[in-house]
Amino acid sequence: MTEGSIAVMGAGAWGTALAKVLADAGSTVTLWARRADVAAEINATRCNSGYLPNVQLSPGIRATSDAAEALSGASTVLVGVPAQTMRSNLEQWVGLFSEGATLVSLAKGIELETLMRMSQVIVAVTGVDPAQVAVLSGPNLANEIAAGQPAATVVACSDSGRAVAIQRALNTGYFRPYTNADVIGTEIGGACKNVIALACGMAVGVGLGENTAAAIITRGLAEIMRLGIAVGAKGATLAGLAGVGDLVATCTSPHSRNRSFGECLGRGGTMESALQARDGKAVEGVTSCESVLALASSYDVEMPLTDAVHRVCHKGLSVGEAVLLLLGRSTKPE
């Protein structure tokens, strides 16, 4: 790999889509895939059929299953592994990052054991200065972006120079990145929206309509903002792309894994059958509801929607009972 090039660690749908964006914007990209067969397919056919079928990838992307090869000389590293495996992956890579590299988290979640945000996990494992760590989040459904449909995202970093460098690397005619200094707010919005999308999916699955979905999204945003402000986020961040924007896209799109998982549960599917239907692809909200609820509890923040989703996913509450619970809460001023 040439000095100054970019590594994307994780060849799932989102990592692959962002590798395409970076290559389309003119960067040389090395895409690390956990499985050697995925890397081989990308190099041979310019396609990642398991995650982004029918999307042609640029010759500017080279795939490898060798993490050392991917990270060698990379000045910017986008880390696109699931939130709950972020720590174990970083522990394997910790000696491979270039001095001074910018590390960008693509994962959306709160770590279960520690209740850390992903940027905090990156700092804890690698020991880098927090100013070297950025977060990418927004209303970004991978298949739409890979198809070149217009979209926007947020690049959050306390170092404005690094944020602008990532913004430039990602800026294409169809993908517009905005910079933000509020890392906390950007991460809280990303972690919580998957849980609310599960609730939306459950409501759709039991046959409820747009009024219910709108109420869930709006009340979901209210509880996300309560938690975000308690942990130090800015309200404006959660009212923007990384908050309400991401929430709306994830709650309303049939392409959203979390929404479609909730829908499967709402139609009477079991947790096991719903997970099997996802074909091994991560459904972050199932785990996030547990860690988000624990984080909220530690700050004495009420999150009734998150609590209901947690009870369905982990405590055996039926979807029907959860919906009655949500709609049957005592009335009070908004």
C-alpha atoms as a PDB file:
ATOM      1  CA  MET A   1       0.000   0.000   0.000  1.00  0.00           C
ATOM      2  CA  THR A   2       1.272   3.479  -0.796  1.00  0.00           C
ATOM      3  CA  GLU A   3       1.888   6.013   1.954  1.00  0.00           C
ATOM      4  CA  GLY A   4      -1.110   8.253   2.537  1.00  0.00           C
ATOM      5  CA  SER A   5      -3.683   5.865   1.136  1.00  0.00           C
ATOM      6  CA  ILE A   6      -6.862   4.750   2.902  1.00  0.00           C
ATOM      7  CA  ALA A   7      -7.787   1.434   4.502  1.00  0.00           C
ATOM      8  CA  VAL A   8     -11.379   0.319   5.086  1.00  0.00           C
ATOM      9  CA  MET A   9     -11.463  -2.458   7.681  1.00  0.00           C
ATOM     10  CA  GLY A  10     -14.615  -4.494   7.090  1.00  0.00           C
ATOM     11  CA  ALA A  11     -16.152  -5.570   3.781  1.00  0.00           C
ATOM     12  CA  GLY A  12     -19.779  -5.707   4.837  1.00  0.00           C
ATOM     13  CA  ALA A  13     -22.335  -3.606   2.965  1.00  0.00           C
ATOM     14  CA  TRP A  14     -21.364  -0.324   4.649  1.00  0.00           C
ATOM     15  CA  GLY A  15     -17.591  -0.802   4.466  1.00  0.00           C
ATOM     16  CA  THR A  16     -17.841  -1.797   0.799  1.00  0.00           C
ATOM     17  CA  ALA A  17     -20.131   1.141  -0.035  1.00  0.00           C
ATOM     18  CA  LEU A  18     -17.725   3.600   1.610  1.00  0.00           C
ATOM     19  CA  ALA A  19     -14.745   2.039  -0.172  1.00  0.00           C
ATOM     20  CA  LYS A  20     -16.656   2.741  -3.406  1.00  0.00           C
ATOM     21  CA  VAL A  21     -17.323   6.365  -2.349  1.00  0.00           C
ATOM     22  CA  LEU A  22     -13.638   6.905  -1.492  1.00  0.00           C
ATOM     23  CA  ALA A  23     -12.480   5.388  -4.789  1.00  0.00           C
ATOM     24  CA  ASP A  24     -15.057   7.430  -6.731  1.00  0.00           C
ATOM     25  CA  ALA A  25     -13.678  10.537  -4.995  1.00  0.00           C
ATOM     26  CA  GLY A  26     -10.170   9.661  -6.209  1.00  0.00           C
ATOM     27  CA  SER A  27      -8.516   7.821  -3.317  1.00  0.00           C
ATOM     28  CA  THR A  28      -6.550   4.589  -3.468  1.00  0.00           C
ATOM     29  CA  VAL A  29      -8.408   2.199  -1.164  1.00  0.00           C
ATOM     30  CA  THR A  30      -7.510  -1.124   0.381  1.00  0.00           C
ATOM     31  CA  LEU A  31     -10.557  -2.993   1.669  1.00  0.00           C
ATOM     32  CA  TRP A  32      -9.964  -5.597   4.375  1.00  0.00           C
ATOM     33  CA  ALA A  33     -12.349  -8.554   4.399  1.00  0.00           C
ATOM     34  CA  ARG A  34     -12.448 -11.010   7.295  1.00  0.00           C
ATOM     35  CA  ARG A  35     -12.992 -13.843   4.819  1.00  0.00           C
ATOM     36  CA  ALA A  36     -10.412 -14.559   2.113  1.00  0.00           C
ATOM     37  CA  ASP A  37     -13.123 -15.679  -0.344  1.00  0.00           C
ATOM     38  CA  VAL A  38     -14.824 -12.255  -0.138  1.00  0.00           C
ATOM     39  CA  ALA A  39     -11.513 -10.490  -0.862  1.00  0.00           C
ATOM     40  CA  ALA A  40     -10.815 -12.856  -3.764  1.00  0.00           C
ATOM     41  CA  GLU A  41     -14.264 -12.284  -5.268  1.00  0.00           C
ATOM     42  CA  ILE A  42     -13.902  -8.480  -5.077  1.00  0.00           C
ATOM     43  CA  ASN A  43     -10.487  -8.575  -6.769  1.00  0.00           C
ATOM     44  CA  ALA A  44     -11.597 -11.011  -9.461  1.00  0.00           C
ATOM     45  CA  THR A  45     -15.083  -9.724 -10.298  1.00  0.00           C
ATOM     46  CA  ARG A  46     -15.239  -6.141  -8.891  1.00  0.00           C
ATOM     47  CA  CYS A  47     -18.322  -7.243  -6.940  1.00  0.00           C
ATOM     48  CA  ASN A  48     -19.163  -8.159  -3.320  1.00  0.00           C
ATOM     49  CA  SER A  49     -22.172 -10.346  -4.082  1.00  0.00           C
ATOM     50  CA  GLY A  50     -22.839 -11.356  -0.463  1.00  0.00           C
ATOM     51  CA  TYR A  51     -23.358  -7.780   0.738  1.00  0.00           C
ATOM     52  CA  LEU A  52     -23.850  -5.471  -2.270  1.00  0.00           C
ATOM     53  CA  PRO A  53     -25.021  -7.623  -5.191  1.00  0.00           C
ATOM     54  CA  ASN A  54     -25.143  -5.985  -8.638  1.00  0.00           C
ATOM     55  CA  VAL A  55     -22.871  -3.109  -7.571  1.00  0.00           C
ATOM     56  CA  GLN A  56     -19.747  -2.683  -9.702  1.00  0.00           C
ATOM     57  CA  LEU A  57     -16.702  -1.592  -7.687  1.00  0.00           C
ATOM     58  CA  SER A  58     -13.965   0.697  -8.966  1.00  0.00           C
ATOM     59  CA  PRO A  59     -10.552  -0.684  -9.986  1.00  0.00           C
ATOM     60  CA  GLY A  60      -9.234   1.808  -7.374  1.00  0.00           C
ATOM     61  CA  ILE A  61     -10.290  -0.666  -4.648  1.00  0.00           C
ATOM     62  CA  ARG A  62      -8.030  -3.583  -3.801  1.00  0.00           C
ATOM     63  CA  ALA A  63      -9.271  -6.188  -1.331  1.00  0.00           C
ATOM     64  CA  THR A  64      -7.227  -8.320   1.055  1.00  0.00           C
ATOM     65  CA  SER A  65      -7.865 -10.582   4.036  1.00  0.00           C
ATOM     66  CA  ASP A  66      -4.448  -9.669   5.494  1.00  0.00           C
ATOM     67  CA  ALA A  67      -4.913  -6.882   8.065  1.00  0.00           C
ATOM     68  CA  ALA A  68      -1.206  -6.009   8.130  1.00  0.00           C
ATOM     69  CA  GLU A  69      -1.217  -5.551   4.364  1.00  0.00           C
ATOM     70  CA  ALA A  70      -4.361  -3.400   4.514  1.00  0.00           C
ATOM     71  CA  LEU A  71      -3.024  -1.123   7.265  1.00  0.00           C
ATOM     72  CA  SER A  72       0.539  -0.742   5.995  1.00  0.00           C
ATOM     73  CA  GLY A  73       1.140   2.969   5.327  1.00  0.00           C
ATOM     74  CA  ALA A  74      -2.530   3.941   5.671  1.00  0.00           C
ATOM     75  CA  SER A  75      -2.880   7.526   6.928  1.00  0.00           C
ATOM     76  CA  THR A  76      -6.668   7.121   7.317  1.00  0.00           C
ATOM     77  CA  VAL A  77      -8.353   3.954   8.565  1.00  0.00           C
ATOM     78  CA  LEU A  78     -12.140   3.475   8.467  1.00  0.00           C
ATOM     79  CA  VAL A  79     -13.148   0.777  10.956  1.00  0.00           C
ATOM     80  CA  GLY A  80     -16.334  -0.918   9.767  1.00  0.00           C
ATOM     81  CA  VAL A  81     -16.746  -3.903  12.080  1.00  0.00           C
ATOM     82  CA  PRO A  82     -19.804  -4.531  14.315  1.00  0.00           C
ATOM     83  CA  ALA A  83     -19.852  -2.536  17.558  1.00  0.00           C
ATOM     84  CA  GLN A  84     -19.580  -5.547  19.857  1.00  0.00           C
ATOM     85  CA  THR A  85     -16.523  -6.915  18.007  1.00  0.00           C
ATOM     86  CA  MET A  86     -14.776  -3.521  17.748  1.00  0.00           C
ATOM     87  CA  ARG A  87     -12.530  -4.183  20.769  1.00  0.00           C
ATOM     88  CA  SER A  88     -11.457  -7.715  19.795  1.00  0.00           C
ATOM     89  CA  ASN A  89     -10.637  -6.622  16.235  1.00  0.00           C
ATOM     90  CA  LEU A  90      -8.634  -3.603  17.384  1.00  0.00           C
ATOM     91  CA  GLU A  91      -6.684  -5.773  19.826  1.00  0.00           C
ATOM     92  CA  GLN A  92      -5.493  -7.849  16.864  1.00  0.00           C
ATOM     93  CA  TRP A  93      -4.538  -4.762  14.836  1.00  0.00           C
ATOM     94  CA  VAL A  94      -3.133  -2.532  17.574  1.00  0.00           C
ATOM     95  CA  GLY A  95       0.515  -2.699  16.450  1.00  0.00           C
ATOM     96  CA  LEU A  96      -0.285  -2.211  12.758  1.00  0.00           C
ATOM     97  CA  PHE A  97      -1.576   1.382  12.614  1.00  0.00           C
ATOM     98  CA  SER A  98       0.700   4.042  11.125  1.00  0.00           C
ATOM     99  CA  GLU A  99       1.966   6.724  13.510  1.00  0.00           C
ATOM    100  CA  GLY A 100      -0.488   9.635  13.575  1.00  0.00           C
ATOM    101  CA  ALA A 101      -3.130   7.875  11.459  1.00  0.00           C
ATOM    102  CA  THR A 102      -6.729   9.090  11.663  1.00  0.00           C
ATOM    103  CA  LEU A 103      -9.011   6.287  12.872  1.00  0.00           C
ATOM    104  CA  VAL A 104     -12.648   6.609  11.790  1.00  0.00           C
ATOM    105  CA  SER A 105     -15.390   4.586  13.475  1.00  0.00           C
ATOM    106  CA  LEU A 106     -18.205   3.412  11.216  1.00  0.00           C
ATOM    107  CA  ALA A 107     -19.813   1.295  13.959  1.00  0.00           C
ATOM    108  CA  LYS A 108     -23.011   2.337  15.725  1.00  0.00           C
ATOM    109  CA  GLY A 109     -23.437   1.027  19.242  1.00  0.00           C
ATOM    110  CA  ILE A 110     -22.493   1.115  22.913  1.00  0.00           C
ATOM    111  CA  GLU A 111     -20.138  -1.611  24.162  1.00  0.00           C
ATOM    112  CA  LEU A 112     -22.025  -4.003  26.440  1.00  0.00           C
ATOM    113  CA  GLU A 113     -19.415  -4.685  29.110  1.00  0.00           C
ATOM    114  CA  THR A 114     -18.096  -1.140  29.535  1.00  0.00           C
ATOM    115  CA  LEU A 115     -20.933   1.095  28.205  1.00  0.00           C
ATOM    116  CA  MET A 116     -18.280   2.888  26.128  1.00  0.00           C
ATOM    117  CA  ARG A 117     -19.006   4.612  22.834  1.00  0.00           C
ATOM    118  CA  MET A 118     -16.989   3.273  19.885  1.00  0.00           C
ATOM    119  CA  SER A 119     -14.556   6.230  19.812  1.00  0.00           C
ATOM    120  CA  GLN A 120     -13.822   5.556  23.492  1.00  0.00           C
ATOM    121  CA  VAL A 121     -13.145   1.882  22.723  1.00  0.00           C
ATOM    122  CA  ILE A 122     -10.735   2.899  19.938  1.00  0.00           C
ATOM    123  CA  VAL A 123      -8.822   5.226  22.278  1.00  0.00           C
ATOM    124  CA  ALA A 124      -8.766   2.647  25.099  1.00  0.00           C
ATOM    125  CA  VAL A 125      -7.377  -0.155  22.917  1.00  0.00           C
ATOM    126  CA  THR A 126      -4.964   1.763  20.672  1.00  0.00           C
ATOM    127  CA  GLY A 127      -3.834   4.465  23.083  1.00  0.00           C
ATOM    128  CA  VAL A 128      -4.060   7.144  20.364  1.00  0.00           C
ATOM    129  CA  ASP A 129      -4.893  10.758  21.160  1.00  0.00           C
ATOM    130  CA  PRO A 130      -8.718  11.202  21.101  1.00  0.00           C
ATOM    131  CA  ALA A 131      -8.187  13.974  18.516  1.00  0.00           C
ATOM    132  CA  GLN A 132      -7.055  11.260  16.053  1.00  0.00           C
ATOM    133  CA  VAL A 133     -10.421   9.496  16.279  1.00  0.00           C
ATOM    134  CA  ALA A 134     -13.379  10.493  14.115  1.00  0.00           C
ATOM    135  CA  VAL A 135     -16.898   9.122  13.756  1.00  0.00           C
ATOM    136  CA  LEU A 136     -18.987   8.821  10.585  1.00  0.00           C
ATOM    137  CA  SER A 137     -22.762   8.705  10.987  1.00  0.00           C
ATOM    138  CA  GLY A 138     -25.936   9.794   9.234  1.00  0.00           C
ATOM    139  CA  PRO A 139     -28.903   8.612   7.173  1.00  0.00           C
ATOM    140  CA  ASN A 140     -26.748   6.235   5.142  1.00  0.00           C
ATOM    141  CA  LEU A 141     -28.373   3.094   3.757  1.00  0.00           C
ATOM    142  CA  ALA A 142     -25.478   1.307   2.083  1.00  0.00           C
ATOM    143  CA  ASN A 143     -27.269  -0.019  -0.995  1.00  0.00           C
ATOM    144  CA  GLU A 144     -28.637   3.434  -1.931  1.00  0.00           C
ATOM    145  CA  ILE A 145     -25.210   5.046  -1.583  1.00  0.00           C
ATOM    146  CA  ALA A 146     -23.561   2.246  -3.571  1.00  0.00           C
ATOM    147  CA  ALA A 147     -26.130   2.951  -6.313  1.00  0.00           C
ATOM    148  CA  GLY A 148     -24.986   6.583  -6.388  1.00  0.00           C
ATOM    149  CA  GLN A 149     -28.188   8.037  -4.944  1.00  0.00           C
ATOM    150  CA  PRO A 150     -27.702  11.459  -3.253  1.00  0.00           C
ATOM    151  CA  ALA A 151     -26.988  11.235   0.477  1.00  0.00           C
ATOM    152  CA  ALA A 152     -25.368  13.229   3.254  1.00  0.00           C
ATOM    153  CA  THR A 153     -23.409  12.214   6.331  1.00  0.00           C
ATOM    154  CA  VAL A 154     -21.656  13.682   9.368  1.00  0.00           C
ATOM    155  CA  VAL A 155     -17.910  13.438  10.039  1.00  0.00           C
ATOM    156  CA  ALA A 156     -17.401  14.213  13.733  1.00  0.00           C
ATOM    157  CA  CYS A 157     -13.931  14.824  15.168  1.00  0.00           C
ATOM    158  CA  SER A 158     -12.530  17.142  17.830  1.00  0.00           C
ATOM    159  CA  ASP A 159      -9.659  17.967  15.403  1.00  0.00           C
ATOM    160  CA  SER A 160     -11.250  20.110  12.688  1.00  0.00           C
ATOM    161  CA  GLY A 161      -8.299  19.565  10.327  1.00  0.00           C
ATOM    162  CA  ARG A 162      -8.773  15.797  10.393  1.00  0.00           C
ATOM    163  CA  ALA A 163     -12.540  16.183   9.968  1.00  0.00           C
ATOM    164  CA  VAL A 164     -12.019  18.353   6.874  1.00  0.00           C
ATOM    165  CA  ALA A 165      -9.482  15.874   5.426  1.00  0.00           C
ATOM    166  CA  ILE A 166     -12.009  13.023   5.762  1.00  0.00           C
ATOM    167  CA  GLN A 167     -14.742  15.261   4.356  1.00  0.00           C
ATOM    168  CA  ARG A 168     -12.630  15.930   1.251  1.00  0.00           C
ATOM    169  CA  ALA A 169     -11.772  12.252   0.822  1.00  0.00           C
ATOM    170  CA  LEU A 170     -15.472  11.308   0.867  1.00  0.00           C
ATOM    171  CA  ASN A 171     -16.918  14.190  -1.152  1.00  0.00           C
ATOM    172  CA  THR A 172     -18.446  13.013  -4.431  1.00  0.00           C
ATOM    173  CA  GLY A 173     -21.269  14.288  -6.595  1.00  0.00           C
ATOM    174  CA  TYR A 174     -23.695  11.964  -4.796  1.00  0.00           C
ATOM    175  CA  PHE A 175     -22.241  11.815  -1.253  1.00  0.00           C
ATOM    176  CA  ARG A 176     -21.990  15.011   0.801  1.00  0.00           C
ATOM    177  CA  PRO A 177     -20.173  14.920   4.173  1.00  0.00           C
ATOM    178  CA  TYR A 178     -20.691  17.644   6.803  1.00  0.00           C
ATOM    179  CA  THR A 179     -18.188  18.195   9.630  1.00  0.00           C
ATOM    180  CA  ASN A 180     -19.092  18.451  13.308  1.00  0.00           C
ATOM    181  CA  ALA A 181     -17.044  18.671  16.522  1.00  0.00           C
ATOM    182  CA  ASP A 182     -19.677  16.840  18.593  1.00  0.00           C
ATOM    183  CA  VAL A 183     -18.403  13.260  18.672  1.00  0.00           C
ATOM    184  CA  ILE A 184     -20.627  12.309  21.633  1.00  0.00           C
ATOM    185  CA  GLY A 185     -23.866  13.446  19.990  1.00  0.00           C
ATOM    186  CA  THR A 186     -22.993  11.813  16.690  1.00  0.00           C
ATOM    187  CA  GLU A 187     -22.339   8.486  18.410  1.00  0.00           C
ATOM    188  CA  ILE A 188     -25.384   8.583  20.696  1.00  0.00           C
ATOM    189  CA  GLY A 189     -27.668   9.265  17.725  1.00  0.00           C
ATOM    190  CA  GLY A 190     -26.161   6.357  15.809  1.00  0.00           C
ATOM    191  CA  ALA A 191     -26.349   3.902  18.703  1.00  0.00           C
ATOM    192  CA  CYS A 192     -29.924   4.667  19.763  1.00  0.00           C
ATOM    193  CA  LYS A 193     -31.663   4.917  16.389  1.00  0.00           C
ATOM    194  CA  ASN A 194     -31.322   1.189  15.696  1.00  0.00           C
ATOM    195  CA  VAL A 195     -33.367   0.437  18.822  1.00  0.00           C
ATOM    196  CA  ILE A 196     -36.166   2.819  17.805  1.00  0.00           C
ATOM    197  CA  ALA A 197     -36.123   1.253  14.316  1.00  0.00           C
ATOM    198  CA  LEU A 198     -36.793  -2.137  15.936  1.00  0.00           C
ATOM    199  CA  ALA A 199     -39.832  -0.600  17.668  1.00  0.00           C
ATOM    200  CA  CYS A 200     -41.036   0.868  14.348  1.00  0.00           C
ATOM    201  CA  GLY A 201     -40.623  -2.473  12.625  1.00  0.00           C
ATOM    202  CA  MET A 202     -42.571  -4.254  15.359  1.00  0.00           C
ATOM    203  CA  ALA A 203     -45.455  -1.775  14.947  1.00  0.00           C
ATOM    204  CA  VAL A 204     -45.488  -2.311  11.167  1.00  0.00           C
ATOM    205  CA  GLY A 205     -45.355  -6.080  11.663  1.00  0.00           C
ATOM    206  CA  VAL A 206     -48.488  -6.102  13.827  1.00  0.00           C
ATOM    207  CA  GLY A 207     -50.303  -4.034  11.185  1.00  0.00           C
ATOM    208  CA  LEU A 208     -50.138  -0.521  12.635  1.00  0.00           C
ATOM    209  CA  GLY A 209     -49.873   2.442  10.291  1.00  0.00           C
ATOM    210  CA  GLU A 210     -48.070   5.710   9.675  1.00  0.00           C
ATOM    211  CA  ASN A 211     -49.550   7.565  12.659  1.00  0.00           C
ATOM    212  CA  THR A 212     -48.034   4.986  14.999  1.00  0.00           C
ATOM    213  CA  ALA A 213     -44.693   5.077  13.172  1.00  0.00           C
ATOM    214  CA  ALA A 214     -44.614   8.888  13.392  1.00  0.00           C
ATOM    215  CA  ALA A 215     -45.358   8.755  17.111  1.00  0.00           C
ATOM    216  CA  ILE A 216     -42.623   6.161  17.702  1.00  0.00           C
ATOM    217  CA  ILE A 217     -40.061   8.180  15.722  1.00  0.00           C
ATOM    218  CA  THR A 218     -40.956  11.419  17.523  1.00  0.00           C
ATOM    219  CA  ARG A 219     -41.011   9.924  21.009  1.00  0.00           C
ATOM    220  CA  GLY A 220     -37.913   7.941  20.149  1.00  0.00           C
ATOM    221  CA  LEU A 221     -36.104  11.153  19.265  1.00  0.00           C
ATOM    222  CA  ALA A 222     -37.220  12.666  22.575  1.00  0.00           C
ATOM    223  CA  GLU A 223     -35.641   9.838  24.569  1.00  0.00           C
ATOM    224  CA  ILE A 224     -32.482   9.880  22.440  1.00  0.00           C
ATOM    225  CA  MET A 225     -32.154  13.610  23.159  1.00  0.00           C
ATOM    226  CA  ARG A 226     -32.678  13.067  26.900  1.00  0.00           C
ATOM    227  CA  LEU A 227     -29.838  10.544  26.982  1.00  0.00           C
ATOM    228  CA  GLY A 228     -27.603  12.515  24.634  1.00  0.00           C
ATOM    229  CA  ILE A 229     -27.826  15.739  26.627  1.00  0.00           C
ATOM    230  CA  ALA A 230     -27.244  13.810  29.878  1.00  0.00           C
ATOM    231  CA  VAL A 231     -23.943  12.414  28.541  1.00  0.00           C
ATOM    232  CA  GLY A 232     -22.742  15.695  27.016  1.00  0.00           C
ATOM    233  CA  ALA A 233     -24.134  15.780  23.462  1.00  0.00           C
ATOM    234  CA  LYS A 234     -25.357  18.945  21.787  1.00  0.00           C
ATOM    235  CA  GLY A 235     -29.085  19.074  21.032  1.00  0.00           C
ATOM    236  CA  ALA A 236     -28.381  20.555  17.585  1.00  0.00           C
ATOM    237  CA  THR A 237     -26.437  17.423  16.598  1.00  0.00           C
ATOM    238  CA  LEU A 238     -29.372  15.181  17.488  1.00  0.00           C
ATOM    239  CA  ALA A 239     -31.752  17.486  15.597  1.00  0.00           C
ATOM    240  CA  GLY A 240     -29.555  17.103  12.493  1.00  0.00           C
ATOM    241  CA  LEU A 241     -28.336  14.408  10.114  1.00  0.00           C
ATOM    242  CA  ALA A 242     -26.677  12.236  12.763  1.00  0.00           C
ATOM    243  CA  GLY A 243     -29.793  12.301  14.935  1.00  0.00           C
ATOM    244  CA  VAL A 244     -33.215  12.771  13.380  1.00  0.00           C
ATOM    245  CA  GLY A 245     -31.901  12.179   9.833  1.00  0.00           C
ATOM    246  CA  ASP A 246     -30.437   8.783  10.653  1.00  0.00           C
ATOM    247  CA  LEU A 247     -33.465   7.939  12.814  1.00  0.00           C
ATOM    248  CA  VAL A 248     -35.980   8.614  10.021  1.00  0.00           C
ATOM    249  CA  ALA A 249     -34.006   6.654   7.395  1.00  0.00           C
ATOM    250  CA  THR A 250     -33.542   3.636   9.658  1.00  0.00           C
ATOM    251  CA  CYS A 251     -37.117   3.620  10.972  1.00  0.00           C
ATOM    252  CA  THR A 252     -38.839   3.973   7.590  1.00  0.00           C
ATOM    253  CA  SER A 253     -36.713   2.031   5.101  1.00  0.00           C
ATOM    254  CA  PRO A 254     -37.434  -1.606   4.222  1.00  0.00           C
ATOM    255  CA  HIS A 255     -33.670  -1.823   3.548  1.00  0.00           C
ATOM    256  CA  SER A 256     -32.956  -1.190   7.252  1.00  0.00           C
ATOM    257  CA  ARG A 257     -31.916  -4.442   8.928  1.00  0.00           C
ATOM    258  CA  ASN A 258     -33.212  -3.266  12.303  1.00  0.00           C
ATOM    259  CA  ARG A 259     -36.618  -2.228  11.012  1.00  0.00           C
ATOM    260  CA  SER A 260     -37.072  -5.430   8.984  1.00  0.00           C
ATOM    261  CA  PHE A 261     -35.964  -7.507  12.001  1.00  0.00           C
ATOM    262  CA  GLY A 262     -38.592  -5.779  14.155  1.00  0.00           C
ATOM    263  CA  GLU A 263     -41.171  -6.362  11.426  1.00  0.00           C
ATOM    264  CA  CYS A 264     -40.392 -10.081  11.454  1.00  0.00           C
ATOM    265  CA  LEU A 265     -40.955 -10.155  15.232  1.00  0.00           C
ATOM    266  CA  GLY A 266     -44.185  -8.173  14.835  1.00  0.00           C
ATOM    267  CA  ARG A 267     -45.508 -10.757  12.403  1.00  0.00           C
ATOM    268  CA  GLY A 268     -45.041 -13.438  15.043  1.00  0.00           C
ATOM    269  CA  GLY A 269     -41.493 -14.588  14.280  1.00  0.00           C
ATOM    270  CA  THR A 270     -39.237 -15.743  17.107  1.00  0.00           C
ATOM    271  CA  MET A 271     -35.905 -14.089  17.878  1.00  0.00           C
ATOM    272  CA  GLU A 272     -34.172 -17.163  16.409  1.00  0.00           C
ATOM    273  CA  SER A 273     -36.159 -17.154  13.150  1.00  0.00           C
ATOM    274  CA  ALA A 274     -35.743 -13.379  12.767  1.00  0.00           C
ATOM    275  CA  LEU A 275     -31.968 -13.693  13.233  1.00  0.00           C
ATOM    276  CA  GLN A 276     -31.789 -16.567  10.723  1.00  0.00           C
ATOM    277  CA  ALA A 277     -33.669 -14.436   8.190  1.00  0.00           C
ATOM    278  CA  ARG A 278     -30.885 -11.839   8.480  1.00  0.00           C
ATOM    279  CA  ASP A 279     -28.425 -14.432   7.103  1.00  0.00           C
ATOM    280  CA  GLY A 280     -25.775 -13.795   9.771  1.00  0.00           C
ATOM    281  CA  LYS A 281     -25.693 -10.028   9.175  1.00  0.00           C
ATOM    282  CA  ALA A 282     -25.501  -7.934  12.349  1.00  0.00           C
ATOM    283  CA  VAL A 283     -28.692  -6.424  13.771  1.00  0.00           C
ATOM    284  CA  GLU A 284     -27.070  -3.871  16.059  1.00  0.00           C
ATOM    285  CA  GLY A 285     -30.273  -2.784  17.801  1.00  0.00           C
ATOM    286  CA  VAL A 286     -30.768  -6.207  19.426  1.00  0.00           C
ATOM    287  CA  THR A 287     -27.570  -5.742  21.433  1.00  0.00           C
ATOM    288  CA  SER A 288     -27.697  -1.946  21.595  1.00  0.00           C
ATOM    289  CA  CYS A 289     -31.052  -1.939  23.412  1.00  0.00           C
ATOM    290  CA  GLU A 290     -29.300  -3.634  26.337  1.00  0.00           C
ATOM    291  CA  SER A 291     -26.254  -1.357  26.478  1.00  0.00           C
ATOM    292  CA  VAL A 292     -28.220   1.849  25.728  1.00  0.00           C
ATOM    293  CA  LEU A 293     -30.707   1.019  28.490  1.00  0.00           C
ATOM    294  CA  ALA A 294     -27.861   0.353  30.938  1.00  0.00           C
ATOM    295  CA  LEU A 295     -26.181   3.644  29.992  1.00  0.00           C
ATOM    296  CA  ALA A 296     -29.483   5.506  30.409  1.00  0.00           C
ATOM    297  CA  SER A 297     -30.045   3.871  33.793  1.00  0.00           C
ATOM    298  CA  SER A 298     -26.590   4.990  34.972  1.00  0.00           C
ATOM    299  CA  TYR A 299     -27.600   8.593  34.176  1.00  0.00           C
ATOM    300  CA  ASP A 300     -31.145   8.138  35.577  1.00  0.00           C
ATOM    301  CA  VAL A 301     -32.669   8.814  32.133  1.00  0.00           C
ATOM    302  CA  GLU A 302     -36.051   7.289  31.256  1.00  0.00           C
ATOM    303  CA  MET A 303     -36.203   5.514  27.863  1.00  0.00           C
ATOM    304  CA  PRO A 304     -39.566   3.695  27.705  1.00  0.00           C
ATOM    305  CA  LEU A 305     -39.354   2.730  24.006  1.00  0.00           C
ATOM    306  CA  THR A 306     -35.858   1.318  24.480  1.00  0.00           C
ATOM    307  CA  ASP A 307     -37.053  -0.515  27.591  1.00  0.00           C
ATOM    308  CA  ALA A 308     -39.965  -2.091  25.669  1.00  0.00           C
ATOM    309  CA  VAL A 309     -37.664  -3.232  22.836  1.00  0.00           C
ATOM    310  CA  HIS A 310     -35.237  -4.662  25.406  1.00  0.00           C
ATOM    311  CA  ARG A 311     -38.026  -6.596  27.077  1.00  0.00           C
ATOM    312  CA  VAL A 312     -39.112  -8.102  23.744  1.00  0.00           C
ATOM    313  CA  CYS A 313     -35.562  -9.014  22.661  1.00  0.00           C
ATOM    314  CA  HIS A 314     -34.205 -10.242  25.998  1.00  0.00           C
ATOM    315  CA  LYS A 315     -37.002 -10.771  28.537  1.00  0.00           C
ATOM    316  CA  GLY A 316     -39.626 -12.721  26.597  1.00  0.00           C
ATOM    317  CA  LEU A 317     -42.241  -9.950  26.344  1.00  0.00           C
ATOM    318  CA  SER A 318     -44.501 -10.441  23.322  1.00  0.00           C
ATOM    319  CA  VAL A 319     -44.645  -7.726  20.662  1.00  0.00           C
ATOM    320  CA  GLY A 320     -48.384  -7.354  21.250  1.00  0.00           C
ATOM    321  CA  GLU A 321     -47.813  -6.745  24.965  1.00  0.00           C
ATOM    322  CA  ALA A 322     -45.026  -4.262  24.171  1.00  0.00           C
ATOM    323  CA  VAL A 323     -47.279  -2.248  21.838  1.00  0.00           C
ATOM    324  CA  LEU A 324     -50.041  -2.137  24.478  1.00  0.00           C
ATOM    325  CA  LEU A 325     -47.456  -1.064  27.036  1.00  0.00           C
ATOM    326  CA  LEU A 326     -46.274   1.794  24.829  1.00  0.00           C
ATOM    327  CA  LEU A 327     -49.747   2.977  23.851  1.00  0.00           C
ATOM    328  CA  GLY A 328     -51.100   2.526  27.365  1.00  0.00           C
ATOM    329  CA  ARG A 329     -48.627   4.803  29.182  1.00  0.00           C
ATOM    330  CA  SER A 330     -50.193   7.471  31.384  1.00  0.00           C
ATOM    331  CA  THR A 331     -50.906  10.739  29.585  1.00  0.00           C
ATOM    332  CA  LYS A 332     -48.870  13.837  30.408  1.00  0.00           C
ATOM    333  CA  PRO A 333     -47.710  17.059  28.753  1.00  0.00           C
ATOM    334  CA  GLU A 334     -45.365  16.530  25.805  1.00  0.00           C
END
